[in-house]
Amino acid sequence: MNEKTGTFRLFGLLLPVVLSFWLLAAHFLRSGNLLWFGLLLVVPLLLAVKRSYIARSVQFSLLVATITWVQITYQMLMSRMMMGDDWQRMAIIMGAVICFTLLSACTFLHSELERRYGLK
């Protein structure tokens, strides 16, 4: 595999990780929390460093992000139910976001990323 193909493959493998962080960053931007927005926006840049502790820290952060999405979903669900609003569509969308974030953490189980970050 040449260098260009390898770079595109790496980009494709890490794209879900980056999108997961940016999705949570967008949520915090919407709620006006600029500190978390900025932090979540730049966390994926850490992946440029080829160290196992960086990959594991990012992976752990994605697990924390998943738990955060569960809490956010619960709050939104309770709010909508108390107001008598429709909640089913929101629950489906948030369930997909939770699954996507959790699966993004599993990205580091890919052999290419294990090799890149020395995870084995």
PDB file of N, CA and C in Angstrom:
ATOM      1  N   MET A   1       0.848  -1.172   0.000  1.00  0.00           N
ATOM      2  CA  MET A   1       0.000   0.000   0.000  1.00  0.00           C
ATOM      3  C   MET A   1       0.895   1.237   0.000  1.00  0.00           C
ATOM      4  N   ASN A   2       0.620   2.156  -0.909  1.00  0.00           N
ATOM      5  CA  ASN A   2       1.454   3.353  -0.958  1.00  0.00           C
ATOM      6  C   ASN A   2       1.027   4.356   0.116  1.00  0.00           C
ATOM      7  N   GLU A   3       1.820   5.406   0.259  1.00  0.00           N
ATOM      8  CA  GLU A   3       1.592   6.370   1.339  1.00  0.00           C
ATOM      9  C   GLU A   3       0.260   7.098   1.202  1.00  0.00           C
ATOM     10  N   LYS A   4      -0.117   7.444  -0.016  1.00  0.00           N
ATOM     11  CA  LYS A   4      -1.364   8.174  -0.251  1.00  0.00           C
ATOM     12  C   LYS A   4      -2.573   7.315   0.112  1.00  0.00           C
ATOM     13  N   THR A   5      -2.550   6.061  -0.302  1.00  0.00           N
ATOM     14  CA  THR A   5      -3.645   5.147   0.023  1.00  0.00           C
ATOM     15  C   THR A   5      -3.719   4.928   1.530  1.00  0.00           C
ATOM     16  N   GLY A   6      -2.563   4.789   2.172  1.00  0.00           N
ATOM     17  CA  GLY A   6      -2.523   4.597   3.620  1.00  0.00           C
ATOM     18  C   GLY A   6      -3.081   5.784   4.381  1.00  0.00           C
ATOM     19  N   THR A   7      -2.798   6.976   3.880  1.00  0.00           N
ATOM     20  CA  THR A   7      -3.302   8.196   4.525  1.00  0.00           C
ATOM     21  C   THR A   7      -4.819   8.274   4.418  1.00  0.00           C
ATOM     22  N   PHE A   8      -5.352   7.962   3.235  1.00  0.00           N
ATOM     23  CA  PHE A   8      -6.807   7.986   3.059  1.00  0.00           C
ATOM     24  C   PHE A   8      -7.475   6.912   3.916  1.00  0.00           C
ATOM     25  N   ARG A   9      -6.860   5.760   4.026  1.00  0.00           N
ATOM     26  CA  ARG A   9      -7.401   4.677   4.850  1.00  0.00           C
ATOM     27  C   ARG A   9      -7.411   5.082   6.323  1.00  0.00           C
ATOM     28  N   LEU A  10      -6.330   5.691   6.782  1.00  0.00           N
ATOM     29  CA  LEU A  10      -6.253   6.166   8.156  1.00  0.00           C
ATOM     30  C   LEU A  10      -7.322   7.227   8.415  1.00  0.00           C
ATOM     31  N   PHE A  11      -7.480   8.137   7.470  1.00  0.00           N
ATOM     32  CA  PHE A  11      -8.518   9.175   7.577  1.00  0.00           C
ATOM     33  C   PHE A  11      -9.896   8.542   7.703  1.00  0.00           C
ATOM     34  N   GLY A  12     -10.160   7.535   6.880  1.00  0.00           N
ATOM     35  CA  GLY A  12     -11.448   6.848   6.927  1.00  0.00           C
ATOM     36  C   GLY A  12     -11.683   6.124   8.241  1.00  0.00           C
ATOM     37  N   LEU A  13     -10.631   5.556   8.806  1.00  0.00           N
ATOM     38  CA  LEU A  13     -10.759   4.852  10.076  1.00  0.00           C
ATOM     39  C   LEU A  13     -11.008   5.814  11.241  1.00  0.00           C
ATOM     40  N   LEU A  14     -10.381   6.979  11.178  1.00  0.00           N
ATOM     41  CA  LEU A  14     -10.502   7.936  12.284  1.00  0.00           C
ATOM     42  C   LEU A  14     -11.665   8.915  12.128  1.00  0.00           C
ATOM     43  N   LEU A  15     -12.294   8.945  10.961  1.00  0.00           N
ATOM     44  CA  LEU A  15     -13.401   9.872  10.730  1.00  0.00           C
ATOM     45  C   LEU A  15     -14.545   9.721  11.741  1.00  0.00           C
ATOM     46  N   PRO A  16     -14.998   8.502  12.063  1.00  0.00           N
ATOM     47  CA  PRO A  16     -16.060   8.394  13.073  1.00  0.00           C
ATOM     48  C   PRO A  16     -15.656   8.954  14.438  1.00  0.00           C
ATOM     49  N   VAL A  17     -14.395   8.802  14.788  1.00  0.00           N
ATOM     50  CA  VAL A  17     -13.902   9.332  16.065  1.00  0.00           C
ATOM     51  C   VAL A  17     -14.006  10.860  16.067  1.00  0.00           C
ATOM     52  N   VAL A  18     -13.517  11.475  14.993  1.00  0.00           N
ATOM     53  CA  VAL A  18     -13.552  12.935  14.880  1.00  0.00           C
ATOM     54  C   VAL A  18     -14.994  13.430  14.877  1.00  0.00           C
ATOM     55  N   LEU A  19     -15.858  12.790  14.108  1.00  0.00           N
ATOM     56  CA  LEU A  19     -17.257  13.212  14.033  1.00  0.00           C
ATOM     57  C   LEU A  19     -17.965  13.073  15.376  1.00  0.00           C
ATOM     58  N   SER A  20     -17.632  12.047  16.138  1.00  0.00           N
ATOM     59  CA  SER A  20     -18.241  11.874  17.456  1.00  0.00           C
ATOM     60  C   SER A  20     -17.903  13.033  18.383  1.00  0.00           C
ATOM     61  N   PHE A  21     -16.638  13.432  18.376  1.00  0.00           N
ATOM     62  CA  PHE A  21     -16.237  14.572  19.209  1.00  0.00           C
ATOM     63  C   PHE A  21     -16.882  15.862  18.725  1.00  0.00           C
ATOM     64  N   TRP A  22     -16.903  16.056  17.417  1.00  0.00           N
ATOM     65  CA  TRP A  22     -17.477  17.291  16.889  1.00  0.00           C
ATOM     66  C   TRP A  22     -18.989  17.360  17.094  1.00  0.00           C
ATOM     67  N   LEU A  23     -19.657  16.230  17.070  1.00  0.00           N
ATOM     68  CA  LEU A  23     -21.095  16.212  17.332  1.00  0.00           C
ATOM     69  C   LEU A  23     -21.385  16.639  18.766  1.00  0.00           C
ATOM     70  N   LEU A  24     -20.601  16.115  19.702  1.00  0.00           N
ATOM     71  CA  LEU A  24     -20.780  16.523  21.095  1.00  0.00           C
ATOM     72  C   LEU A  24     -20.381  17.987  21.273  1.00  0.00           C
ATOM     73  N   ALA A  25     -19.349  18.432  20.564  1.00  0.00           N
ATOM     74  CA  ALA A  25     -18.951  19.845  20.617  1.00  0.00           C
ATOM     75  C   ALA A  25     -20.090  20.741  20.139  1.00  0.00           C
ATOM     76  N   ALA A  26     -20.773  20.336  19.076  1.00  0.00           N
ATOM     77  CA  ALA A  26     -21.901  21.117  18.560  1.00  0.00           C
ATOM     78  C   ALA A  26     -23.019  21.207  19.596  1.00  0.00           C
ATOM     79  N   HIS A  27     -23.240  20.132  20.329  1.00  0.00           N
ATOM     80  CA  HIS A  27     -24.254  20.158  21.388  1.00  0.00           C
ATOM     81  C   HIS A  27     -23.888  21.194  22.452  1.00  0.00           C
ATOM     82  N   PHE A  28     -22.619  21.201  22.870  1.00  0.00           N
ATOM     83  CA  PHE A  28     -22.204  22.154  23.890  1.00  0.00           C
ATOM     84  C   PHE A  28     -22.196  23.586  23.361  1.00  0.00           C
ATOM     85  N   LEU A  29     -21.912  23.776  22.079  1.00  0.00           N
ATOM     86  CA  LEU A  29     -21.992  25.101  21.484  1.00  0.00           C
ATOM     87  C   LEU A  29     -23.435  25.598  21.518  1.00  0.00           C
ATOM     88  N   ARG A  30     -24.353  24.711  21.205  1.00  0.00           N
ATOM     89  CA  ARG A  30     -25.774  25.069  21.203  1.00  0.00           C
ATOM     90  C   ARG A  30     -26.245  25.482  22.588  1.00  0.00           C
ATOM     91  N   SER A  31     -25.686  24.824  23.621  1.00  0.00           N
ATOM     92  CA  SER A  31     -26.084  25.170  24.990  1.00  0.00           C
ATOM     93  C   SER A  31     -25.259  26.332  25.547  1.00  0.00           C
ATOM     94  N   GLY A  32     -24.308  26.861  24.749  1.00  0.00           N
ATOM     95  CA  GLY A  32     -23.560  28.039  25.142  1.00  0.00           C
ATOM     96  C   GLY A  32     -22.319  27.768  25.976  1.00  0.00           C
ATOM     97  N   ASN A  33     -21.894  26.523  26.063  1.00  0.00           N
ATOM     98  CA  ASN A  33     -20.717  26.169  26.843  1.00  0.00           C
ATOM     99  C   ASN A  33     -19.491  26.168  25.921  1.00  0.00           C
ATOM    100  N   LEU A  34     -18.850  27.325  25.827  1.00  0.00           N
ATOM    101  CA  LEU A  34     -17.743  27.496  24.883  1.00  0.00           C
ATOM    102  C   LEU A  34     -16.477  26.754  25.306  1.00  0.00           C
ATOM    103  N   LEU A  35     -16.286  26.557  26.611  1.00  0.00           N
ATOM    104  CA  LEU A  35     -15.101  25.840  27.073  1.00  0.00           C
ATOM    105  C   LEU A  35     -15.117  24.392  26.588  1.00  0.00           C
ATOM    106  N   TRP A  36     -16.223  23.687  26.815  1.00  0.00           N
ATOM    107  CA  TRP A  36     -16.328  22.296  26.354  1.00  0.00           C
ATOM    108  C   TRP A  36     -16.346  22.224  24.837  1.00  0.00           C
ATOM    109  N   PHE A  37     -16.987  23.201  24.207  1.00  0.00           N
ATOM    110  CA  PHE A  37     -17.002  23.242  22.743  1.00  0.00           C
ATOM    111  C   PHE A  37     -15.578  23.273  22.196  1.00  0.00           C
ATOM    112  N   GLY A  38     -14.770  24.196  22.702  1.00  0.00           N
ATOM    113  CA  GLY A  38     -13.395  24.325  22.222  1.00  0.00           C
ATOM    114  C   GLY A  38     -12.564  23.095  22.509  1.00  0.00           C
ATOM    115  N   LEU A  39     -12.719  22.544  23.701  1.00  0.00           N
ATOM    116  CA  LEU A  39     -11.952  21.362  24.078  1.00  0.00           C
ATOM    117  C   LEU A  39     -12.295  20.179  23.177  1.00  0.00           C
ATOM    118  N   LEU A  40     -13.576  19.930  22.972  1.00  0.00           N
ATOM    119  CA  LEU A  40     -14.006  18.799  22.150  1.00  0.00           C
ATOM    120  C   LEU A  40     -13.655  18.990  20.677  1.00  0.00           C
ATOM    121  N   LEU A  41     -13.549  20.226  20.271  1.00  0.00           N
ATOM    122  CA  LEU A  41     -13.188  20.517  18.887  1.00  0.00           C
ATOM    123  C   LEU A  41     -11.743  20.121  18.592  1.00  0.00           C
ATOM    124  N   VAL A  42     -10.851  20.290  19.569  1.00  0.00           N
ATOM    125  CA  VAL A  42      -9.428  20.046  19.318  1.00  0.00           C
ATOM    126  C   VAL A  42      -8.934  18.680  19.808  1.00  0.00           C
ATOM    127  N   VAL A  43      -9.726  17.958  20.598  1.00  0.00           N
ATOM    128  CA  VAL A  43      -9.288  16.647  21.092  1.00  0.00           C
ATOM    129  C   VAL A  43      -8.839  15.720  19.957  1.00  0.00           C
ATOM    130  N   PRO A  44      -9.539  15.654  18.834  1.00  0.00           N
ATOM    131  CA  PRO A  44      -9.083  14.754  17.757  1.00  0.00           C
ATOM    132  C   PRO A  44      -7.683  15.060  17.234  1.00  0.00           C
ATOM    133  N   LEU A  45      -7.198  16.273  17.452  1.00  0.00           N
ATOM    134  CA  LEU A  45      -5.835  16.609  17.006  1.00  0.00           C
ATOM    135  C   LEU A  45      -4.789  15.800  17.765  1.00  0.00           C
ATOM    136  N   LEU A  46      -5.132  15.330  18.946  1.00  0.00           N
ATOM    137  CA  LEU A  46      -4.207  14.491  19.713  1.00  0.00           C
ATOM    138  C   LEU A  46      -3.844  13.210  18.956  1.00  0.00           C
ATOM    139  N   LEU A  47      -4.727  12.784  18.064  1.00  0.00           N
ATOM    140  CA  LEU A  47      -4.490  11.537  17.331  1.00  0.00           C
ATOM    141  C   LEU A  47      -3.310  11.632  16.368  1.00  0.00           C
ATOM    142  N   ALA A  48      -2.787  12.825  16.176  1.00  0.00           N
ATOM    143  CA  ALA A  48      -1.588  12.981  15.349  1.00  0.00           C
ATOM    144  C   ALA A  48      -0.359  12.410  16.060  1.00  0.00           C
ATOM    145  N   VAL A  49      -0.453  12.271  17.382  1.00  0.00           N
ATOM    146  CA  VAL A  49       0.648  11.716  18.175  1.00  0.00           C
ATOM    147  C   VAL A  49       0.482  10.200  18.229  1.00  0.00           C
ATOM    148  N   LYS A  50       1.492   9.475  17.800  1.00  0.00           N
ATOM    149  CA  LYS A  50       1.424   8.005  17.719  1.00  0.00           C
ATOM    150  C   LYS A  50       1.863   7.374  19.035  1.00  0.00           C
ATOM    151  N   ARG A  51       1.047   7.503  20.050  1.00  0.00           N
ATOM    152  CA  ARG A  51       1.344   6.923  21.358  1.00  0.00           C
ATOM    153  C   ARG A  51       0.122   6.155  21.855  1.00  0.00           C
ATOM    154  N   SER A  52       0.370   5.052  22.513  1.00  0.00           N
ATOM    155  CA  SER A  52      -0.740   4.219  22.988  1.00  0.00           C
ATOM    156  C   SER A  52      -1.590   4.949  24.019  1.00  0.00           C
ATOM    157  N   TYR A  53      -0.953   5.730  24.890  1.00  0.00           N
ATOM    158  CA  TYR A  53      -1.739   6.424  25.914  1.00  0.00           C
ATOM    159  C   TYR A  53      -2.666   7.482  25.311  1.00  0.00           C
ATOM    160  N   ILE A  54      -2.291   8.048  24.177  1.00  0.00           N
ATOM    161  CA  ILE A  54      -3.164   9.005  23.486  1.00  0.00           C
ATOM    162  C   ILE A  54      -4.394   8.275  22.949  1.00  0.00           C
ATOM    163  N   ALA A  55      -4.164   7.157  22.264  1.00  0.00           N
ATOM    164  CA  ALA A  55      -5.283   6.391  21.702  1.00  0.00           C
ATOM    165  C   ALA A  55      -6.215   5.906  22.803  1.00  0.00           C
ATOM    166  N   ARG A  56      -5.663   5.410  23.896  1.00  0.00           N
ATOM    167  CA  ARG A  56      -6.502   4.931  25.002  1.00  0.00           C
ATOM    168  C   ARG A  56      -7.246   6.083  25.681  1.00  0.00           C
ATOM    169  N   SER A  57      -6.613   7.242  25.768  1.00  0.00           N
ATOM    170  CA  SER A  57      -7.289   8.405  26.350  1.00  0.00           C
ATOM    171  C   SER A  57      -8.452   8.853  25.475  1.00  0.00           C
ATOM    172  N   VAL A  58      -8.237   8.864  24.178  1.00  0.00           N
ATOM    173  CA  VAL A  58      -9.312   9.236  23.250  1.00  0.00           C
ATOM    174  C   VAL A  58     -10.431   8.195  23.314  1.00  0.00           C
ATOM    175  N   GLN A  59     -10.057   6.932  23.380  1.00  0.00           N
ATOM    176  CA  GLN A  59     -11.047   5.860  23.473  1.00  0.00           C
ATOM    177  C   GLN A  59     -11.865   6.005  24.761  1.00  0.00           C
ATOM    178  N   PHE A  60     -11.196   6.249  25.876  1.00  0.00           N
ATOM    179  CA  PHE A  60     -11.889   6.455  27.145  1.00  0.00           C
ATOM    180  C   PHE A  60     -12.804   7.682  27.074  1.00  0.00           C
ATOM    181  N   SER A  61     -12.323   8.750  26.429  1.00  0.00           N
ATOM    182  CA  SER A  61     -13.129   9.965  26.275  1.00  0.00           C
ATOM    183  C   SER A  61     -14.403   9.687  25.475  1.00  0.00           C
ATOM    184  N   LEU A  62     -14.302   8.806  24.494  1.00  0.00           N
ATOM    185  CA  LEU A  62     -15.496   8.439  23.717  1.00  0.00           C
ATOM    186  C   LEU A  62     -16.489   7.658  24.571  1.00  0.00           C
ATOM    187  N   LEU A  63     -15.993   6.848  25.476  1.00  0.00           N
ATOM    188  CA  LEU A  63     -16.888   6.135  26.391  1.00  0.00           C
ATOM    189  C   LEU A  63     -17.577   7.117  27.338  1.00  0.00           C
ATOM    190  N   VAL A  64     -16.843   8.098  27.813  1.00  0.00           N
ATOM    191  CA  VAL A  64     -17.435   9.148  28.648  1.00  0.00           C
ATOM    192  C   VAL A  64     -18.457   9.946  27.838  1.00  0.00           C
ATOM    193  N   ALA A  65     -18.133  10.216  26.568  1.00  0.00           N
ATOM    194  CA  ALA A  65     -19.066  10.931  25.691  1.00  0.00           C
ATOM    195  C   ALA A  65     -20.349  10.134  25.501  1.00  0.00           C
ATOM    196  N   THR A  66     -20.225   8.817  25.407  1.00  0.00           N
ATOM    197  CA  THR A  66     -21.417   7.966  25.276  1.00  0.00           C
ATOM    198  C   THR A  66     -22.305   8.105  26.504  1.00  0.00           C
ATOM    199  N   ILE A  67     -21.705   8.066  27.678  1.00  0.00           N
ATOM    200  CA  ILE A  67     -22.471   8.226  28.922  1.00  0.00           C
ATOM    201  C   ILE A  67     -23.105   9.614  28.976  1.00  0.00           C
ATOM    202  N   THR A  68     -22.373  10.611  28.508  1.00  0.00           N
ATOM    203  CA  THR A  68     -22.912  11.976  28.459  1.00  0.00           C
ATOM    204  C   THR A  68     -24.135  12.036  27.562  1.00  0.00           C
ATOM    205  N   TRP A  69     -24.056  11.385  26.393  1.00  0.00           N
ATOM    206  CA  TRP A  69     -25.214  11.360  25.485  1.00  0.00           C
ATOM    207  C   TRP A  69     -26.405  10.656  26.129  1.00  0.00           C
ATOM    208  N   VAL A  70     -26.161   9.603  26.901  1.00  0.00           N
ATOM    209  CA  VAL A  70     -27.260   8.911  27.592  1.00  0.00           C
ATOM    210  C   VAL A  70     -27.932   9.875  28.574  1.00  0.00           C
ATOM    211  N   GLN A  71     -27.143  10.628  29.324  1.00  0.00           N
ATOM    212  CA  GLN A  71     -27.699  11.589  30.273  1.00  0.00           C
ATOM    213  C   GLN A  71     -28.480  12.693  29.564  1.00  0.00           C
ATOM    214  N   ILE A  72     -27.929  13.200  28.484  1.00  0.00           N
ATOM    215  CA  ILE A  72     -28.602  14.243  27.712  1.00  0.00           C
ATOM    216  C   ILE A  72     -29.923  13.711  27.164  1.00  0.00           C
ATOM    217  N   THR A  73     -29.896  12.491  26.651  1.00  0.00           N
ATOM    218  CA  THR A  73     -31.112  11.880  26.111  1.00  0.00           C
ATOM    219  C   THR A  73     -32.170  11.740  27.186  1.00  0.00           C
ATOM    220  N   TYR A  74     -31.765  11.283  28.359  1.00  0.00           N
ATOM    221  CA  TYR A  74     -32.712  11.127  29.467  1.00  0.00           C
ATOM    222  C   TYR A  74     -33.346  12.471  29.828  1.00  0.00           C
ATOM    223  N   GLN A  75     -32.542  13.524  29.920  1.00  0.00           N
ATOM    224  CA  GLN A  75     -33.064  14.847  30.251  1.00  0.00           C
ATOM    225  C   GLN A  75     -34.041  15.344  29.189  1.00  0.00           C
ATOM    226  N   MET A  76     -33.665  15.164  27.926  1.00  0.00           N
ATOM    227  CA  MET A  76     -34.548  15.601  26.841  1.00  0.00           C
ATOM    228  C   MET A  76     -35.839  14.796  26.819  1.00  0.00           C
ATOM    229  N   LEU A  77     -35.724  13.509  27.064  1.00  0.00           N
ATOM    230  CA  LEU A  77     -36.887  12.624  27.068  1.00  0.00           C
ATOM    231  C   LEU A  77     -37.858  13.019  28.173  1.00  0.00           C
ATOM    232  N   MET A  78     -37.340  13.229  29.378  1.00  0.00           N
ATOM    233  CA  MET A  78     -38.203  13.613  30.490  1.00  0.00           C
ATOM    234  C   MET A  78     -38.870  14.963  30.231  1.00  0.00           C
ATOM    235  N   SER A  79     -38.122  15.890  29.683  1.00  0.00           N
ATOM    236  CA  SER A  79     -38.660  17.214  29.378  1.00  0.00           C
ATOM    237  C   SER A  79     -39.796  17.123  28.359  1.00  0.00           C
ATOM    238  N   ARG A  80     -39.578  16.366  27.309  1.00  0.00           N
ATOM    239  CA  ARG A  80     -40.604  16.239  26.268  1.00  0.00           C
ATOM    240  C   ARG A  80     -41.834  15.499  26.775  1.00  0.00           C
ATOM    241  N   MET A  81     -41.619  14.481  27.576  1.00  0.00           N
ATOM    242  CA  MET A  81     -42.759  13.729  28.102  1.00  0.00           C
ATOM    243  C   MET A  81     -43.585  14.581  29.066  1.00  0.00           C
ATOM    244  N   MET A  82     -42.910  15.384  29.885  1.00  0.00           N
ATOM    245  CA  MET A  82     -43.630  16.244  30.828  1.00  0.00           C
ATOM    246  C   MET A  82     -44.436  17.313  30.103  1.00  0.00           C
ATOM    247  N   MET A  83     -43.937  17.782  28.966  1.00  0.00           N
ATOM    248  CA  MET A  83     -44.637  18.806  28.191  1.00  0.00           C
ATOM    249  C   MET A  83     -45.703  18.204  27.273  1.00  0.00           C
ATOM    250  N   GLY A  84     -45.719  16.888  27.176  1.00  0.00           N
ATOM    251  CA  GLY A  84     -46.673  16.234  26.300  1.00  0.00           C
ATOM    252  C   GLY A  84     -46.274  16.271  24.836  1.00  0.00           C
ATOM    253  N   ASP A  85     -45.017  16.564  24.561  1.00  0.00           N
ATOM    254  CA  ASP A  85     -44.531  16.616  23.174  1.00  0.00           C
ATOM    255  C   ASP A  85     -44.196  15.213  22.684  1.00  0.00           C
ATOM    256  N   ASP A  86     -44.084  15.099  21.349  1.00  0.00           N
ATOM    257  CA  ASP A  86     -43.639  13.841  20.767  1.00  0.00           C
ATOM    258  C   ASP A  86     -42.194  13.588  21.182  1.00  0.00           C
ATOM    259  N   TRP A  87     -41.883  12.368  21.521  1.00  0.00           N
ATOM    260  CA  TRP A  87     -40.538  12.039  21.982  1.00  0.00           C
ATOM    261  C   TRP A  87     -39.932  10.852  21.241  1.00  0.00           C
ATOM    262  N   GLN A  88     -40.737  10.107  20.501  1.00  0.00           N
ATOM    263  CA  GLN A  88     -40.251   8.886  19.868  1.00  0.00           C
ATOM    264  C   GLN A  88     -39.154   9.149  18.844  1.00  0.00           C
ATOM    265  N   ARG A  89     -39.368  10.118  17.980  1.00  0.00           N
ATOM    266  CA  ARG A  89     -38.378  10.416  16.944  1.00  0.00           C
ATOM    267  C   ARG A  89     -37.066  10.889  17.574  1.00  0.00           C
ATOM    268  N   MET A  90     -37.174  11.739  18.594  1.00  0.00           N
ATOM    269  CA  MET A  90     -35.983  12.206  19.301  1.00  0.00           C
ATOM    270  C   MET A  90     -35.246  11.036  19.935  1.00  0.00           C
ATOM    271  N   ALA A  91     -35.979  10.101  20.512  1.00  0.00           N
ATOM    272  CA  ALA A  91     -35.352   8.938  21.151  1.00  0.00           C
ATOM    273  C   ALA A  91     -34.618   8.070  20.125  1.00  0.00           C
ATOM    274  N   ILE A  92     -35.177   7.915  18.959  1.00  0.00           N
ATOM    275  CA  ILE A  92     -34.538   7.125  17.905  1.00  0.00           C
ATOM    276  C   ILE A  92     -33.249   7.817  17.432  1.00  0.00           C
ATOM    277  N   ILE A  93     -33.339   9.120  17.206  1.00  0.00           N
ATOM    278  CA  ILE A  93     -32.163   9.870  16.753  1.00  0.00           C
ATOM    279  C   ILE A  93     -31.063   9.837  17.810  1.00  0.00           C
ATOM    280  N   MET A  94     -31.426  10.066  19.054  1.00  0.00           N
ATOM    281  CA  MET A  94     -30.427  10.074  20.121  1.00  0.00           C
ATOM    282  C   MET A  94     -29.857   8.672  20.347  1.00  0.00           C
ATOM    283  N   GLY A  95     -30.683   7.652  20.166  1.00  0.00           N
ATOM    284  CA  GLY A  95     -30.181   6.280  20.255  1.00  0.00           C
ATOM    285  C   GLY A  95     -29.129   6.007  19.185  1.00  0.00           C
ATOM    286  N   ALA A  96     -29.355   6.543  17.996  1.00  0.00           N
ATOM    287  CA  ALA A  96     -28.376   6.389  16.914  1.00  0.00           C
ATOM    288  C   ALA A  96     -27.085   7.138  17.243  1.00  0.00           C
ATOM    289  N   VAL A  97     -27.202   8.317  17.823  1.00  0.00           N
ATOM    290  CA  VAL A  97     -26.021   9.093  18.213  1.00  0.00           C
ATOM    291  C   VAL A  97     -25.228   8.347  19.290  1.00  0.00           C
ATOM    292  N   ILE A  98     -25.930   7.772  20.250  1.00  0.00           N
ATOM    293  CA  ILE A  98     -25.278   7.005  21.321  1.00  0.00           C
ATOM    294  C   ILE A  98     -24.539   5.807  20.728  1.00  0.00           C
ATOM    295  N   CYS A  99     -25.188   5.064  19.845  1.00  0.00           N
ATOM    296  CA  CYS A  99     -24.554   3.897  19.212  1.00  0.00           C
ATOM    297  C   CYS A  99     -23.351   4.304  18.371  1.00  0.00           C
ATOM    298  N   PHE A 100     -23.485   5.394  17.618  1.00  0.00           N
ATOM    299  CA  PHE A 100     -22.383   5.868  16.775  1.00  0.00           C
ATOM    300  C   PHE A 100     -21.166   6.228  17.629  1.00  0.00           C
ATOM    301  N   THR A 101     -21.396   6.914  18.740  1.00  0.00           N
ATOM    302  CA  THR A 101     -20.293   7.309  19.620  1.00  0.00           C
ATOM    303  C   THR A 101     -19.639   6.092  20.251  1.00  0.00           C
ATOM    304  N   LEU A 102     -20.454   5.141  20.685  1.00  0.00           N
ATOM    305  CA  LEU A 102     -19.905   3.922  21.279  1.00  0.00           C
ATOM    306  C   LEU A 102     -19.101   3.119  20.257  1.00  0.00           C
ATOM    307  N   LEU A 103     -19.621   2.998  19.050  1.00  0.00           N
ATOM    308  CA  LEU A 103     -18.896   2.271  18.001  1.00  0.00           C
ATOM    309  C   LEU A 103     -17.621   3.001  17.579  1.00  0.00           C
ATOM    310  N   SER A 104     -17.608   4.316  17.706  1.00  0.00           N
ATOM    311  CA  SER A 104     -16.396   5.073  17.409  1.00  0.00           C
ATOM    312  C   SER A 104     -15.266   4.695  18.360  1.00  0.00           C
ATOM    313  N   ALA A 105     -15.617   4.413  19.603  1.00  0.00           N
ATOM    314  CA  ALA A 105     -14.603   3.969  20.571  1.00  0.00           C
ATOM    315  C   ALA A 105     -14.028   2.616  20.156  1.00  0.00           C
ATOM    316  N   CYS A 106     -14.836   1.803  19.494  1.00  0.00           N
ATOM    317  CA  CYS A 106     -14.390   0.479  19.047  1.00  0.00           C
ATOM    318  C   CYS A 106     -13.476   0.557  17.835  1.00  0.00           C
ATOM    319  N   THR A 107     -13.387   1.722  17.209  1.00  0.00           N
ATOM    320  CA  THR A 107     -12.527   1.899  16.043  1.00  0.00           C
ATOM    321  C   THR A 107     -11.085   1.510  16.355  1.00  0.00           C
ATOM    322  N   PHE A 108     -10.667   1.730  17.585  1.00  0.00           N
ATOM    323  CA  PHE A 108      -9.281   1.451  17.962  1.00  0.00           C
ATOM    324  C   PHE A 108      -8.996  -0.046  18.082  1.00  0.00           C
ATOM    325  N   LEU A 109      -9.991  -0.876  17.860  1.00  0.00           N
ATOM    326  CA  LEU A 109      -9.786  -2.323  17.823  1.00  0.00           C
ATOM    327  C   LEU A 109      -9.335  -2.788  16.441  1.00  0.00           C
ATOM    328  N   HIS A 110      -9.366  -1.892  15.465  1.00  0.00           N
ATOM    329  CA  HIS A 110      -8.923  -2.219  14.106  1.00  0.00           C
ATOM    330  C   HIS A 110      -7.416  -2.456  14.112  1.00  0.00           C
ATOM    331  N   SER A 111      -6.975  -3.494  13.418  1.00  0.00           N
ATOM    332  CA  SER A 111      -5.554  -3.875  13.438  1.00  0.00           C
ATOM    333  C   SER A 111      -4.631  -2.754  12.963  1.00  0.00           C
ATOM    334  N   GLU A 112      -5.070  -1.977  11.999  1.00  0.00           N
ATOM    335  CA  GLU A 112      -4.228  -0.889  11.493  1.00  0.00           C
ATOM    336  C   GLU A 112      -4.010   0.196  12.550  1.00  0.00           C
ATOM    337  N   LEU A 113      -5.062   0.498  13.296  1.00  0.00           N
ATOM    338  CA  LEU A 113      -4.912   1.505  14.351  1.00  0.00           C
ATOM    339  C   LEU A 113      -4.165   0.947  15.546  1.00  0.00           C
ATOM    340  N   GLU A 114      -4.353  -0.336  15.818  1.00  0.00           N
ATOM    341  CA  GLU A 114      -3.568  -0.981  16.886  1.00  0.00           C
ATOM    342  C   GLU A 114      -2.080  -0.908  16.574  1.00  0.00           C
ATOM    343  N   ARG A 115      -1.748  -1.135  15.315  1.00  0.00           N
ATOM    344  CA  ARG A 115      -0.350  -1.069  14.886  1.00  0.00           C
ATOM    345  C   ARG A 115       0.178   0.366  14.957  1.00  0.00           C
ATOM    346  N   ARG A 116      -0.604   1.302  14.467  1.00  0.00           N
ATOM    347  CA  ARG A 116      -0.173   2.722  14.429  1.00  0.00           C
ATOM    348  C   ARG A 116       0.108   3.263  15.833  1.00  0.00           C
ATOM    349  N   TYR A 117      -0.771   2.933  16.785  1.00  0.00           N
ATOM    350  CA  TYR A 117      -0.632   3.485  18.134  1.00  0.00           C
ATOM    351  C   TYR A 117       0.044   2.528  19.119  1.00  0.00           C
ATOM    352  N   GLY A 118       0.481   1.359  18.644  1.00  0.00           N
ATOM    353  CA  GLY A 118       1.160   0.420  19.521  1.00  0.00           C
ATOM    354  C   GLY A 118       0.273  -0.109  20.637  1.00  0.00           C
ATOM    355  N   LEU A 119      -0.937  -0.502  20.289  1.00  0.00           N
ATOM    356  CA  LEU A 119      -1.915  -0.921  21.292  1.00  0.00           C
ATOM    357  C   LEU A 119      -1.852  -2.403  21.618  1.00  0.00           C
ATOM    358  N   LYS A 120      -1.051  -3.179  20.902  1.00  0.00           N
ATOM    359  CA  LYS A 120      -0.979  -4.619  21.176  1.00  0.00           C
ATOM    360  C   LYS A 120       0.206  -4.940  22.031  1.00  0.00           C
TER     361      LYS A 120
END
